[in-house]
Amino acid sequence: MKLFKIYGIMGCGKSTLTESLCETFNATLWVEPFEENPFLPLFYAEMVKERGTSINRFALPLQLYFLTSYMRQNEDIQESEGLNIQDGGAFSGYAYTKTQHNSGMITDTEYDYFTSLYKLHRDKLDINHRTLYIDLDPSEAHRRVINRSKEDTSRSNEQDVPLKYLSFLDECYRETFEELDIPVEFINTNGLSKEETVKVFKDIIDSVQE
């Protein structure tokens, strides 16, 4: 079993990229369970209400739901053969929780609780894989998020996500890679078209397949 986990902030093109790669390599795609998370619309509604500047009572349950979902997903991945590509993963929850803590949405106590749970179950979350990070300027990612929230009703909750939040998220991803000592390859996609981005990642996977 070979597993690539592809990370990146909202709007970086992660879902489009992973779908294209799976089609190219006939790989198994494992997606983020965001549509199944009942706390997600509540979290965004609270973010709008409080303008993302105070405690969000749905932030912790949101991330705990993702954490347990990824634990179950990883169990299934370990039973899967061939090439597997995961759109995000449990590490995303760690980075998002750090972002929400830095933004004042999660208390110190809640943050400590989440990180202790993550580290306790890390052996079930960080199964053997190769980590790739889509490196895209937060301002461009924000532009894409706003556009897709208008075009895709399933993502309409994202229309009020501020640029500052995405900038925090990018910073927290980088900090957390270092904090958890996770080997990661940063792939600069600034200025690249969708097709060019897919080719860059395809070449990386090709090099491993050979």
N, C-alpha and C. Protein backbone atom coordinates (compact mmCIF):
# COMPACT_ATOMS: atom_id res chain seq x y z
N MET A 1 0.83 -1.20 0.00
CA MET A 1 0.00 0.00 0.00
C MET A 1 0.87 1.25 0.00
N LYS A 2 0.61 2.15 -0.94
CA LYS A 2 1.30 3.44 -0.98
C LYS A 2 0.28 4.54 -0.75
N LEU A 3 0.64 5.49 0.11
CA LEU A 3 -0.30 6.55 0.46
C LEU A 3 0.35 7.92 0.34
N PHE A 4 -0.31 8.79 -0.40
CA PHE A 4 0.07 10.20 -0.47
C PHE A 4 -1.01 11.01 0.24
N LYS A 5 -0.59 11.85 1.18
CA LYS A 5 -1.54 12.77 1.82
C LYS A 5 -1.23 14.17 1.28
N ILE A 6 -2.25 14.80 0.73
CA ILE A 6 -2.06 16.12 0.13
C ILE A 6 -2.80 17.16 0.96
N TYR A 7 -2.03 18.14 1.45
CA TYR A 7 -2.57 19.18 2.32
C TYR A 7 -2.50 20.54 1.64
N GLY A 8 -3.23 21.48 2.21
CA GLY A 8 -3.22 22.84 1.70
C GLY A 8 -4.38 23.61 2.30
N ILE A 9 -4.28 24.92 2.29
CA ILE A 9 -5.35 25.73 2.87
C ILE A 9 -6.58 25.71 1.97
N MET A 10 -7.69 26.17 2.51
CA MET A 10 -8.93 26.26 1.73
C MET A 10 -8.67 27.06 0.45
N GLY A 11 -9.20 26.58 -0.67
CA GLY A 11 -9.08 27.31 -1.91
C GLY A 11 -7.81 27.04 -2.69
N CYS A 12 -6.96 26.12 -2.22
CA CYS A 12 -5.68 25.87 -2.90
C CYS A 12 -5.85 24.93 -4.09
N GLY A 13 -7.02 24.33 -4.23
CA GLY A 13 -7.25 23.41 -5.35
C GLY A 13 -7.01 21.96 -5.00
N LYS A 14 -7.03 21.66 -3.72
CA LYS A 14 -6.70 20.31 -3.24
C LYS A 14 -7.66 19.24 -3.76
N SER A 15 -8.95 19.51 -3.67
CA SER A 15 -9.94 18.51 -4.09
C SER A 15 -9.87 18.24 -5.59
N THR A 16 -9.75 19.32 -6.38
CA THR A 16 -9.64 19.17 -7.83
C THR A 16 -8.38 18.39 -8.19
N LEU A 17 -7.29 18.70 -7.51
CA LEU A 17 -6.01 18.03 -7.78
C LEU A 17 -6.08 16.54 -7.44
N THR A 18 -6.57 16.21 -6.25
CA THR A 18 -6.60 14.80 -5.83
C THR A 18 -7.51 13.97 -6.73
N GLU A 19 -8.62 14.55 -7.18
CA GLU A 19 -9.52 13.84 -8.09
C GLU A 19 -8.83 13.56 -9.42
N SER A 20 -8.10 14.56 -9.94
CA SER A 20 -7.39 14.40 -11.20
C SER A 20 -6.30 13.34 -11.09
N LEU A 21 -5.57 13.36 -9.99
CA LEU A 21 -4.48 12.40 -9.79
C LEU A 21 -5.03 10.97 -9.68
N CYS A 22 -6.13 10.82 -8.97
CA CYS A 22 -6.71 9.49 -8.82
C CYS A 22 -7.21 8.95 -10.14
N GLU A 23 -7.74 9.83 -10.97
CA GLU A 23 -8.19 9.41 -12.30
C GLU A 23 -7.00 9.01 -13.17
N THR A 24 -5.92 9.77 -13.06
CA THR A 24 -4.72 9.48 -13.85
C THR A 24 -4.08 8.15 -13.47
N PHE A 25 -3.98 7.90 -12.17
CA PHE A 25 -3.27 6.72 -11.68
C PHE A 25 -4.19 5.56 -11.29
N ASN A 26 -5.49 5.74 -11.49
CA ASN A 26 -6.45 4.73 -11.07
C ASN A 26 -6.26 4.39 -9.60
N ALA A 27 -6.06 5.45 -8.80
CA ALA A 27 -5.80 5.29 -7.37
C ALA A 27 -7.11 5.42 -6.57
N THR A 28 -7.06 5.00 -5.34
CA THR A 28 -8.21 5.14 -4.45
C THR A 28 -8.15 6.51 -3.79
N LEU A 29 -9.25 7.25 -3.89
CA LEU A 29 -9.31 8.60 -3.32
C LEU A 29 -10.04 8.57 -1.99
N TRP A 30 -9.43 9.20 -1.00
CA TRP A 30 -10.03 9.33 0.34
C TRP A 30 -10.26 10.82 0.58
N VAL A 31 -11.51 11.21 0.72
CA VAL A 31 -11.85 12.63 0.78
C VAL A 31 -12.12 13.10 2.21
N GLU A 32 -12.04 14.41 2.36
CA GLU A 32 -12.37 15.03 3.64
C GLU A 32 -13.87 14.87 3.91
N PRO A 33 -14.25 14.43 5.10
CA PRO A 33 -15.67 14.20 5.40
C PRO A 33 -16.40 15.48 5.81
N PHE A 34 -16.14 16.59 5.09
CA PHE A 34 -16.71 17.86 5.54
C PHE A 34 -18.23 17.93 5.33
N GLU A 35 -18.74 17.26 4.29
CA GLU A 35 -20.17 17.31 4.05
C GLU A 35 -20.95 16.51 5.10
N GLU A 36 -20.28 15.55 5.74
CA GLU A 36 -20.93 14.72 6.75
C GLU A 36 -20.88 15.35 8.14
N ASN A 37 -20.05 16.37 8.31
CA ASN A 37 -19.85 16.94 9.65
C ASN A 37 -21.00 17.87 10.01
N PRO A 38 -21.84 17.49 10.98
CA PRO A 38 -23.01 18.31 11.32
C PRO A 38 -22.65 19.63 12.00
N PHE A 39 -21.40 19.75 12.46
CA PHE A 39 -21.00 20.98 13.16
C PHE A 39 -20.48 22.06 12.22
N LEU A 40 -20.21 21.69 10.96
CA LEU A 40 -19.60 22.65 10.04
C LEU A 40 -20.49 23.87 9.76
N PRO A 41 -21.76 23.69 9.38
CA PRO A 41 -22.60 24.88 9.16
C PRO A 41 -22.81 25.70 10.42
N LEU A 42 -22.85 25.03 11.57
CA LEU A 42 -23.01 25.73 12.84
C LEU A 42 -21.77 26.56 13.16
N PHE A 43 -20.61 25.99 12.83
CA PHE A 43 -19.35 26.71 13.06
C PHE A 43 -19.29 27.97 12.21
N TYR A 44 -19.63 27.86 10.92
CA TYR A 44 -19.58 29.02 10.04
C TYR A 44 -20.62 30.07 10.42
N ALA A 45 -21.80 29.63 10.84
CA ALA A 45 -22.83 30.57 11.28
C ALA A 45 -22.37 31.36 12.49
N GLU A 46 -21.70 30.67 13.40
CA GLU A 46 -21.17 31.32 14.59
C GLU A 46 -20.03 32.27 14.23
N MET A 47 -19.22 31.89 13.24
CA MET A 47 -18.13 32.74 12.79
C MET A 47 -18.66 34.06 12.24
N VAL A 48 -19.74 33.98 11.45
CA VAL A 48 -20.34 35.19 10.90
C VAL A 48 -20.94 36.05 12.01
N LYS A 49 -21.64 35.39 12.91
CA LYS A 49 -22.31 36.10 14.02
C LYS A 49 -21.30 36.86 14.87
N GLU A 50 -20.20 36.22 15.18
CA GLU A 50 -19.20 36.82 16.06
C GLU A 50 -18.06 37.47 15.28
N ARG A 51 -18.17 37.48 13.94
CA ARG A 51 -17.14 38.03 13.06
C ARG A 51 -15.77 37.37 13.26
N GLY A 52 -15.80 36.11 13.74
CA GLY A 52 -14.57 35.34 13.86
C GLY A 52 -13.58 35.90 14.87
N THR A 53 -14.09 36.68 15.84
CA THR A 53 -13.17 37.33 16.78
C THR A 53 -13.33 36.86 18.22
N SER A 54 -14.23 35.91 18.47
CA SER A 54 -14.42 35.44 19.84
C SER A 54 -14.66 33.93 19.85
N ILE A 55 -14.85 33.38 21.05
CA ILE A 55 -15.01 31.94 21.19
C ILE A 55 -16.15 31.43 20.31
N ASN A 56 -15.85 30.38 19.57
CA ASN A 56 -16.85 29.73 18.72
C ASN A 56 -17.18 28.39 19.39
N ARG A 57 -18.40 28.27 19.91
CA ARG A 57 -18.76 27.09 20.71
C ARG A 57 -18.79 25.80 19.89
N PHE A 58 -18.77 25.93 18.55
CA PHE A 58 -18.81 24.73 17.71
C PHE A 58 -17.44 24.35 17.15
N ALA A 59 -16.42 25.14 17.45
CA ALA A 59 -15.09 24.88 16.89
C ALA A 59 -14.50 23.55 17.38
N LEU A 60 -14.54 23.32 18.69
CA LEU A 60 -13.97 22.08 19.22
C LEU A 60 -14.74 20.84 18.76
N PRO A 61 -16.07 20.81 18.90
CA PRO A 61 -16.78 19.62 18.40
C PRO A 61 -16.59 19.39 16.90
N LEU A 62 -16.43 20.48 16.15
CA LEU A 62 -16.15 20.36 14.72
C LEU A 62 -14.88 19.57 14.49
N GLN A 63 -13.81 19.93 15.19
CA GLN A 63 -12.52 19.27 15.00
C GLN A 63 -12.48 17.87 15.60
N LEU A 64 -13.20 17.64 16.69
CA LEU A 64 -13.26 16.30 17.27
C LEU A 64 -13.98 15.34 16.33
N TYR A 65 -15.00 15.84 15.64
CA TYR A 65 -15.72 15.01 14.67
C TYR A 65 -14.77 14.61 13.53
N PHE A 66 -14.01 15.59 13.02
CA PHE A 66 -13.04 15.30 11.96
C PHE A 66 -12.00 14.31 12.45
N LEU A 67 -11.53 14.48 13.67
CA LEU A 67 -10.47 13.62 14.22
C LEU A 67 -10.92 12.16 14.25
N THR A 68 -12.11 11.91 14.79
CA THR A 68 -12.60 10.53 14.87
C THR A 68 -12.91 9.97 13.47
N SER A 69 -13.37 10.84 12.56
CA SER A 69 -13.64 10.39 11.18
C SER A 69 -12.37 9.94 10.50
N TYR A 70 -11.29 10.69 10.70
CA TYR A 70 -10.01 10.33 10.08
C TYR A 70 -9.42 9.07 10.70
N MET A 71 -9.67 8.85 11.98
CA MET A 71 -9.19 7.62 12.61
C MET A 71 -9.85 6.41 11.95
N ARG A 72 -11.17 6.51 11.72
CA ARG A 72 -11.87 5.42 11.06
C ARG A 72 -11.40 5.26 9.61
N GLN A 73 -11.19 6.40 8.93
CA GLN A 73 -10.76 6.36 7.55
C GLN A 73 -9.38 5.71 7.42
N ASN A 74 -8.49 6.03 8.34
CA ASN A 74 -7.15 5.46 8.28
C ASN A 74 -7.15 3.94 8.47
N GLU A 75 -8.09 3.44 9.26
CA GLU A 75 -8.22 2.00 9.43
C GLU A 75 -8.57 1.35 8.09
N ASP A 76 -9.46 2.01 7.34
CA ASP A 76 -9.85 1.49 6.03
C ASP A 76 -8.70 1.59 5.02
N ILE A 77 -7.93 2.68 5.10
CA ILE A 77 -6.80 2.86 4.19
C ILE A 77 -5.78 1.74 4.36
N GLN A 78 -5.54 1.35 5.59
CA GLN A 78 -4.55 0.30 5.85
C GLN A 78 -4.95 -1.04 5.25
N GLU A 79 -6.25 -1.21 5.01
CA GLU A 79 -6.74 -2.44 4.40
C GLU A 79 -6.76 -2.34 2.88
N SER A 80 -6.48 -1.14 2.36
CA SER A 80 -6.56 -0.91 0.92
C SER A 80 -5.25 -1.24 0.24
N GLU A 81 -5.34 -1.79 -0.97
CA GLU A 81 -4.14 -2.13 -1.72
C GLU A 81 -3.87 -1.07 -2.79
N GLY A 82 -2.68 -1.13 -3.38
CA GLY A 82 -2.35 -0.22 -4.46
C GLY A 82 -2.05 1.19 -3.99
N LEU A 83 -2.27 2.15 -4.90
CA LEU A 83 -1.98 3.55 -4.62
C LEU A 83 -3.20 4.24 -4.01
N ASN A 84 -2.97 4.95 -2.92
CA ASN A 84 -4.03 5.68 -2.23
C ASN A 84 -3.65 7.16 -2.14
N ILE A 85 -4.61 8.03 -2.40
CA ILE A 85 -4.39 9.47 -2.28
C ILE A 85 -5.44 10.04 -1.35
N GLN A 86 -4.99 10.70 -0.30
CA GLN A 86 -5.91 11.25 0.69
C GLN A 86 -5.97 12.77 0.59
N ASP A 87 -7.17 13.27 0.44
CA ASP A 87 -7.42 14.71 0.39
C ASP A 87 -7.42 15.21 1.83
N GLY A 88 -6.26 15.70 2.28
CA GLY A 88 -6.15 16.13 3.66
C GLY A 88 -5.88 14.95 4.58
N GLY A 89 -6.30 15.07 5.82
CA GLY A 89 -6.07 14.02 6.80
C GLY A 89 -6.17 14.60 8.20
N ALA A 90 -5.91 13.77 9.19
CA ALA A 90 -6.07 14.20 10.58
C ALA A 90 -5.17 15.40 10.91
N PHE A 91 -4.03 15.46 10.25
CA PHE A 91 -3.12 16.58 10.51
C PHE A 91 -3.79 17.92 10.21
N SER A 92 -4.70 17.93 9.22
CA SER A 92 -5.43 19.16 8.91
C SER A 92 -6.18 19.67 10.13
N GLY A 93 -6.79 18.72 10.85
CA GLY A 93 -7.53 19.10 12.06
C GLY A 93 -6.64 19.75 13.09
N TYR A 94 -5.40 19.25 13.20
CA TYR A 94 -4.45 19.83 14.15
C TYR A 94 -4.13 21.27 13.74
N ALA A 95 -3.88 21.47 12.44
CA ALA A 95 -3.54 22.81 11.96
C ALA A 95 -4.73 23.76 12.08
N TYR A 96 -5.94 23.26 11.77
CA TYR A 96 -7.13 24.11 11.88
C TYR A 96 -7.40 24.47 13.34
N THR A 97 -7.20 23.51 14.24
CA THR A 97 -7.42 23.78 15.66
C THR A 97 -6.44 24.82 16.17
N LYS A 98 -5.19 24.73 15.73
CA LYS A 98 -4.19 25.73 16.11
C LYS A 98 -4.60 27.11 15.57
N THR A 99 -5.11 27.13 14.34
CA THR A 99 -5.56 28.38 13.73
C THR A 99 -6.71 28.99 14.53
N GLN A 100 -7.67 28.15 14.88
CA GLN A 100 -8.83 28.63 15.63
C GLN A 100 -8.45 29.07 17.04
N HIS A 101 -7.45 28.42 17.61
CA HIS A 101 -6.95 28.84 18.92
C HIS A 101 -6.25 30.20 18.80
N ASN A 102 -5.40 30.35 17.79
CA ASN A 102 -4.70 31.62 17.58
C ASN A 102 -5.66 32.75 17.23
N SER A 103 -6.82 32.40 16.64
CA SER A 103 -7.82 33.40 16.27
C SER A 103 -8.77 33.73 17.41
N GLY A 104 -8.64 33.03 18.53
CA GLY A 104 -9.50 33.30 19.68
C GLY A 104 -10.81 32.54 19.67
N MET A 105 -10.96 31.57 18.75
CA MET A 105 -12.22 30.82 18.68
C MET A 105 -12.24 29.63 19.63
N ILE A 106 -11.06 29.14 20.01
CA ILE A 106 -10.93 27.99 20.90
C ILE A 106 -10.11 28.42 22.11
N THR A 107 -10.57 28.02 23.29
CA THR A 107 -9.88 28.40 24.53
C THR A 107 -8.59 27.61 24.69
N ASP A 108 -7.76 28.05 25.62
CA ASP A 108 -6.52 27.34 25.91
C ASP A 108 -6.81 25.91 26.37
N THR A 109 -7.83 25.76 27.21
CA THR A 109 -8.19 24.44 27.73
C THR A 109 -8.65 23.51 26.62
N GLU A 110 -9.48 24.03 25.70
CA GLU A 110 -9.96 23.22 24.58
C GLU A 110 -8.81 22.82 23.66
N TYR A 111 -7.91 23.77 23.43
CA TYR A 111 -6.76 23.49 22.56
C TYR A 111 -5.87 22.41 23.16
N ASP A 112 -5.60 22.51 24.45
CA ASP A 112 -4.77 21.52 25.12
C ASP A 112 -5.43 20.14 25.08
N TYR A 113 -6.76 20.12 25.22
CA TYR A 113 -7.50 18.86 25.20
C TYR A 113 -7.38 18.20 23.82
N PHE A 114 -7.59 19.00 22.77
CA PHE A 114 -7.52 18.44 21.41
C PHE A 114 -6.12 17.93 21.10
N THR A 115 -5.11 18.73 21.38
CA THR A 115 -3.74 18.33 21.02
C THR A 115 -3.30 17.10 21.81
N SER A 116 -3.76 16.97 23.06
CA SER A 116 -3.40 15.79 23.85
C SER A 116 -4.06 14.54 23.26
N LEU A 117 -5.30 14.67 22.77
CA LEU A 117 -5.99 13.55 22.13
C LEU A 117 -5.27 13.14 20.85
N TYR A 118 -4.90 14.15 20.06
CA TYR A 118 -4.21 13.87 18.80
C TYR A 118 -2.91 13.10 19.06
N LYS A 119 -2.13 13.59 20.00
CA LYS A 119 -0.84 12.96 20.27
C LYS A 119 -1.01 11.57 20.87
N LEU A 120 -2.09 11.38 21.64
CA LEU A 120 -2.36 10.07 22.24
C LEU A 120 -2.65 9.03 21.16
N HIS A 121 -3.36 9.45 20.11
CA HIS A 121 -3.76 8.52 19.05
C HIS A 121 -2.94 8.70 17.77
N ARG A 122 -1.80 9.32 17.89
CA ARG A 122 -1.04 9.64 16.68
C ARG A 122 -0.65 8.41 15.88
N ASP A 123 -0.41 7.29 16.55
CA ASP A 123 -0.03 6.08 15.83
C ASP A 123 -1.14 5.59 14.90
N LYS A 124 -2.39 5.96 15.21
CA LYS A 124 -3.52 5.57 14.36
C LYS A 124 -3.79 6.62 13.28
N LEU A 125 -3.18 7.79 13.45
CA LEU A 125 -3.46 8.91 12.54
C LEU A 125 -2.35 9.11 11.52
N ASP A 126 -1.11 8.84 11.90
CA ASP A 126 0.02 9.11 11.02
C ASP A 126 0.58 7.81 10.45
N ILE A 127 -0.29 7.05 9.77
CA ILE A 127 0.18 5.82 9.14
C ILE A 127 1.19 6.17 8.05
N ASN A 128 2.01 5.20 7.67
CA ASN A 128 3.11 5.45 6.73
C ASN A 128 2.60 6.10 5.44
N HIS A 129 3.14 7.26 5.11
CA HIS A 129 2.69 8.00 3.93
C HIS A 129 3.73 9.02 3.51
N ARG A 130 3.47 9.64 2.39
CA ARG A 130 4.30 10.75 1.91
C ARG A 130 3.44 12.01 1.93
N THR A 131 3.95 13.08 2.50
CA THR A 131 3.17 14.30 2.69
C THR A 131 3.56 15.38 1.68
N LEU A 132 2.57 15.89 0.96
CA LEU A 132 2.77 16.97 0.00
C LEU A 132 1.88 18.15 0.40
N TYR A 133 2.43 19.36 0.31
CA TYR A 133 1.67 20.56 0.68
C TYR A 133 1.56 21.50 -0.52
N ILE A 134 0.33 21.86 -0.87
CA ILE A 134 0.10 22.79 -1.97
C ILE A 134 0.35 24.20 -1.45
N ASP A 135 1.44 24.77 -1.89
CA ASP A 135 1.87 26.09 -1.42
C ASP A 135 1.29 27.18 -2.34
N LEU A 136 0.24 27.83 -1.88
CA LEU A 136 -0.44 28.87 -2.65
C LEU A 136 -0.64 30.10 -1.78
N ASP A 137 -0.43 31.28 -2.36
CA ASP A 137 -0.61 32.52 -1.61
C ASP A 137 -2.03 32.61 -1.06
N PRO A 138 -2.19 32.92 0.23
CA PRO A 138 -3.52 32.99 0.84
C PRO A 138 -4.49 33.95 0.15
N SER A 139 -3.98 35.03 -0.43
CA SER A 139 -4.87 35.99 -1.10
C SER A 139 -5.51 35.36 -2.34
N GLU A 140 -4.75 34.55 -3.08
CA GLU A 140 -5.29 33.86 -4.24
C GLU A 140 -6.27 32.77 -3.79
N ALA A 141 -5.91 32.06 -2.72
CA ALA A 141 -6.81 31.04 -2.19
C ALA A 141 -8.13 31.66 -1.73
N HIS A 142 -8.05 32.83 -1.11
CA HIS A 142 -9.25 33.52 -0.64
C HIS A 142 -10.15 33.90 -1.81
N ARG A 143 -9.55 34.38 -2.89
CA ARG A 143 -10.32 34.74 -4.08
C ARG A 143 -11.08 33.53 -4.60
N ARG A 144 -10.42 32.39 -4.61
CA ARG A 144 -11.05 31.17 -5.10
C ARG A 144 -12.18 30.71 -4.17
N VAL A 145 -11.96 30.83 -2.87
CA VAL A 145 -12.98 30.44 -1.90
C VAL A 145 -14.26 31.25 -2.09
N ILE A 146 -14.11 32.55 -2.26
CA ILE A 146 -15.27 33.42 -2.46
C ILE A 146 -16.00 33.06 -3.75
N ASN A 147 -15.25 32.81 -4.80
CA ASN A 147 -15.86 32.46 -6.08
C ASN A 147 -16.62 31.13 -6.01
N ARG A 148 -16.01 30.12 -5.40
CA ARG A 148 -16.66 28.82 -5.36
C ARG A 148 -17.86 28.81 -4.41
N SER A 149 -17.83 29.66 -3.39
CA SER A 149 -18.97 29.72 -2.46
C SER A 149 -20.22 30.25 -3.16
N LYS A 150 -20.00 31.02 -4.23
CA LYS A 150 -21.12 31.55 -5.00
C LYS A 150 -21.62 30.55 -6.04
N GLU A 151 -20.72 29.67 -6.48
CA GLU A 151 -21.05 28.72 -7.54
C GLU A 151 -21.51 27.37 -7.02
N ASP A 152 -21.05 26.99 -5.83
CA ASP A 152 -21.35 25.67 -5.27
C ASP A 152 -22.15 25.84 -3.98
N THR A 153 -23.43 25.47 -4.00
CA THR A 153 -24.28 25.67 -2.83
C THR A 153 -23.81 24.89 -1.61
N SER A 154 -23.10 23.77 -1.83
CA SER A 154 -22.62 22.99 -0.69
C SER A 154 -21.50 23.71 0.06
N ARG A 155 -20.95 24.76 -0.58
CA ARG A 155 -19.87 25.53 0.05
C ARG A 155 -20.27 26.97 0.33
N SER A 156 -21.56 27.24 0.30
CA SER A 156 -22.02 28.62 0.51
C SER A 156 -21.64 29.16 1.89
N ASN A 157 -21.43 28.26 2.85
CA ASN A 157 -21.04 28.70 4.20
C ASN A 157 -19.68 29.38 4.22
N GLU A 158 -18.87 29.15 3.17
CA GLU A 158 -17.51 29.68 3.15
C GLU A 158 -17.42 31.14 2.70
N GLN A 159 -18.54 31.72 2.26
CA GLN A 159 -18.48 33.05 1.66
C GLN A 159 -18.03 34.14 2.62
N ASP A 160 -18.14 33.88 3.92
CA ASP A 160 -17.75 34.90 4.90
C ASP A 160 -16.41 34.61 5.57
N VAL A 161 -15.67 33.63 5.05
CA VAL A 161 -14.36 33.33 5.61
C VAL A 161 -13.40 34.47 5.27
N PRO A 162 -12.81 35.12 6.27
CA PRO A 162 -11.91 36.25 6.00
C PRO A 162 -10.52 35.81 5.53
N LEU A 163 -9.86 36.67 4.80
CA LEU A 163 -8.51 36.41 4.33
C LEU A 163 -7.57 36.15 5.51
N LYS A 164 -7.76 36.88 6.59
CA LYS A 164 -6.91 36.73 7.77
C LYS A 164 -6.93 35.29 8.28
N TYR A 165 -8.09 34.66 8.21
CA TYR A 165 -8.22 33.27 8.69
C TYR A 165 -7.36 32.34 7.84
N LEU A 166 -7.36 32.54 6.51
CA LEU A 166 -6.57 31.69 5.63
C LEU A 166 -5.07 31.94 5.82
N SER A 167 -4.71 33.19 6.10
CA SER A 167 -3.30 33.51 6.36
C SER A 167 -2.84 32.83 7.65
N PHE A 168 -3.69 32.87 8.68
CA PHE A 168 -3.41 32.18 9.94
C PHE A 168 -3.23 30.68 9.67
N LEU A 169 -4.13 30.13 8.85
CA LEU A 169 -4.11 28.69 8.58
C LEU A 169 -2.81 28.27 7.90
N ASP A 170 -2.38 29.04 6.92
CA ASP A 170 -1.13 28.73 6.22
C ASP A 170 0.04 28.76 7.19
N GLU A 171 0.07 29.76 8.05
CA GLU A 171 1.14 29.86 9.06
C GLU A 171 1.12 28.67 10.01
N CYS A 172 -0.09 28.28 10.42
CA CYS A 172 -0.22 27.20 11.39
C CYS A 172 0.13 25.85 10.79
N TYR A 173 -0.16 25.65 9.51
CA TYR A 173 0.28 24.42 8.85
C TYR A 173 1.80 24.31 8.94
N ARG A 174 2.48 25.40 8.60
CA ARG A 174 3.94 25.38 8.57
C ARG A 174 4.51 25.17 9.97
N GLU A 175 3.94 25.83 10.95
CA GLU A 175 4.39 25.68 12.32
C GLU A 175 4.19 24.25 12.82
N THR A 176 3.04 23.66 12.45
CA THR A 176 2.71 22.34 12.96
C THR A 176 3.52 21.24 12.29
N PHE A 177 3.85 21.41 11.01
CA PHE A 177 4.75 20.45 10.37
C PHE A 177 6.05 20.35 11.17
N GLU A 178 6.54 21.52 11.57
CA GLU A 178 7.80 21.55 12.33
C GLU A 178 7.61 21.02 13.75
N GLU A 179 6.50 21.44 14.38
CA GLU A 179 6.23 21.02 15.77
C GLU A 179 6.12 19.50 15.89
N LEU A 180 5.45 18.87 14.93
CA LEU A 180 5.23 17.43 14.99
C LEU A 180 6.30 16.65 14.22
N ASP A 181 7.28 17.38 13.69
CA ASP A 181 8.41 16.76 12.99
C ASP A 181 7.92 15.86 11.85
N ILE A 182 7.06 16.43 11.00
CA ILE A 182 6.52 15.69 9.86
C ILE A 182 7.28 16.08 8.59
N PRO A 183 7.94 15.13 7.95
CA PRO A 183 8.62 15.43 6.67
C PRO A 183 7.59 15.84 5.62
N VAL A 184 7.79 16.96 4.98
CA VAL A 184 6.80 17.47 4.03
C VAL A 184 7.51 18.11 2.84
N GLU A 185 6.90 17.96 1.67
CA GLU A 185 7.39 18.61 0.46
C GLU A 185 6.44 19.75 0.12
N PHE A 186 6.96 20.98 0.10
CA PHE A 186 6.16 22.14 -0.25
C PHE A 186 6.23 22.33 -1.77
N ILE A 187 5.08 22.28 -2.41
CA ILE A 187 5.01 22.40 -3.86
C ILE A 187 4.44 23.77 -4.21
N ASN A 188 5.29 24.66 -4.72
CA ASN A 188 4.86 26.03 -5.05
C ASN A 188 3.97 26.01 -6.29
N THR A 189 2.70 26.38 -6.13
CA THR A 189 1.76 26.38 -7.26
C THR A 189 1.34 27.79 -7.66
N ASN A 190 1.99 28.79 -7.11
CA ASN A 190 1.66 30.17 -7.46
C ASN A 190 1.95 30.42 -8.94
N GLY A 191 0.96 30.95 -9.64
CA GLY A 191 1.14 31.24 -11.05
C GLY A 191 0.93 30.06 -11.98
N LEU A 192 0.66 28.87 -11.43
CA LEU A 192 0.45 27.69 -12.25
C LEU A 192 -1.03 27.51 -12.58
N SER A 193 -1.29 27.01 -13.77
CA SER A 193 -2.67 26.67 -14.13
C SER A 193 -3.03 25.35 -13.48
N LYS A 194 -4.30 24.98 -13.55
CA LYS A 194 -4.75 23.70 -13.01
C LYS A 194 -3.97 22.57 -13.66
N GLU A 195 -3.83 22.63 -14.99
CA GLU A 195 -3.14 21.56 -15.72
C GLU A 195 -1.67 21.48 -15.33
N GLU A 196 -1.03 22.63 -15.16
CA GLU A 196 0.39 22.65 -14.77
C GLU A 196 0.58 22.10 -13.36
N THR A 197 -0.36 22.43 -12.46
CA THR A 197 -0.29 21.93 -11.09
C THR A 197 -0.42 20.42 -11.06
N VAL A 198 -1.36 19.89 -11.80
CA VAL A 198 -1.55 18.44 -11.87
C VAL A 198 -0.28 17.76 -12.38
N LYS A 199 0.34 18.36 -13.41
CA LYS A 199 1.56 17.76 -13.98
C LYS A 199 2.69 17.70 -12.95
N VAL A 200 2.85 18.76 -12.16
CA VAL A 200 3.91 18.79 -11.14
C VAL A 200 3.72 17.63 -10.16
N PHE A 201 2.49 17.46 -9.68
CA PHE A 201 2.22 16.40 -8.71
C PHE A 201 2.28 15.02 -9.37
N LYS A 202 1.85 14.94 -10.62
CA LYS A 202 1.91 13.67 -11.35
C LYS A 202 3.35 13.20 -11.46
N ASP A 203 4.25 14.13 -11.76
CA ASP A 203 5.67 13.76 -11.89
C ASP A 203 6.22 13.22 -10.57
N ILE A 204 5.79 13.81 -9.46
CA ILE A 204 6.25 13.36 -8.14
C ILE A 204 5.78 11.92 -7.88
N ILE A 205 4.52 11.67 -8.15
CA ILE A 205 3.97 10.33 -7.92
C ILE A 205 4.59 9.33 -8.89
N ASP A 206 4.80 9.75 -10.13
CA ASP A 206 5.44 8.89 -11.12
C ASP A 206 6.82 8.43 -10.64
N SER A 207 7.56 9.33 -10.01
CA SER A 207 8.91 9.01 -9.55
C SER A 207 8.90 7.93 -8.48
N VAL A 208 7.81 7.87 -7.72
CA VAL A 208 7.68 6.86 -6.67
C VAL A 208 7.20 5.54 -7.24
N GLN A 209 6.35 5.62 -8.28
CA GLN A 209 5.79 4.44 -8.89
C GLN A 209 6.83 3.63 -9.64
N GLU A 210 7.85 4.33 -10.16
CA GLU A 210 8.85 3.66 -10.98
C GLU A 210 9.68 2.65 -10.17
